[in-house]
Structures are given as structure tokens and as C-alpha cells.
Amino acid sequence: MIKTNNEIEKLKEYISAYFSLLERKISEKDSEILKLLEKLEKEQNNEYITQCMDTKDIKVISYLDN
């Protein structure tokens, strides 16, 4: 099964285009994952803050300069 130079070039173009498409899809998924991680981190921080507010008394101490 001998390929001509033209067929080989077409295969190279196809493979290059396919990998380019895969890279773009991976990049989109990476972006989605980062957004989900940021959302999760915010939710965890909000939950932690809420737990702290619910379980701790907040005391304010003020110092006055004489």
C-alpha cells in the first residue's frame, strides 16, 4: 500500500486539523473545569464563613488613643 506524496500531504493536513480540533476542545474543557473549581471554592468559603458565624460569638474590642 504505497501512498503518493499528495495522499501523504492530505493525511498530514487531516491529522493536523484533527489535533487542532482536539486541542481546542481540551482548552474549552479546561476552562469549564477552572470555572467549576472557582465556583466550588467560593461555595466552600461561603459555607466555612457561615459555619464560623453560626458557631462563634464575634466580639469587638476598640482601643482609644488618649
Foldseek 3Di string as FASTA:
>chain_A
DDDDPVRVVVVVVVVVVVVVVVVVVVVVVVVVVVVVVVVVVVVVVVVVVVVCVVPDDDDDDDDDDD
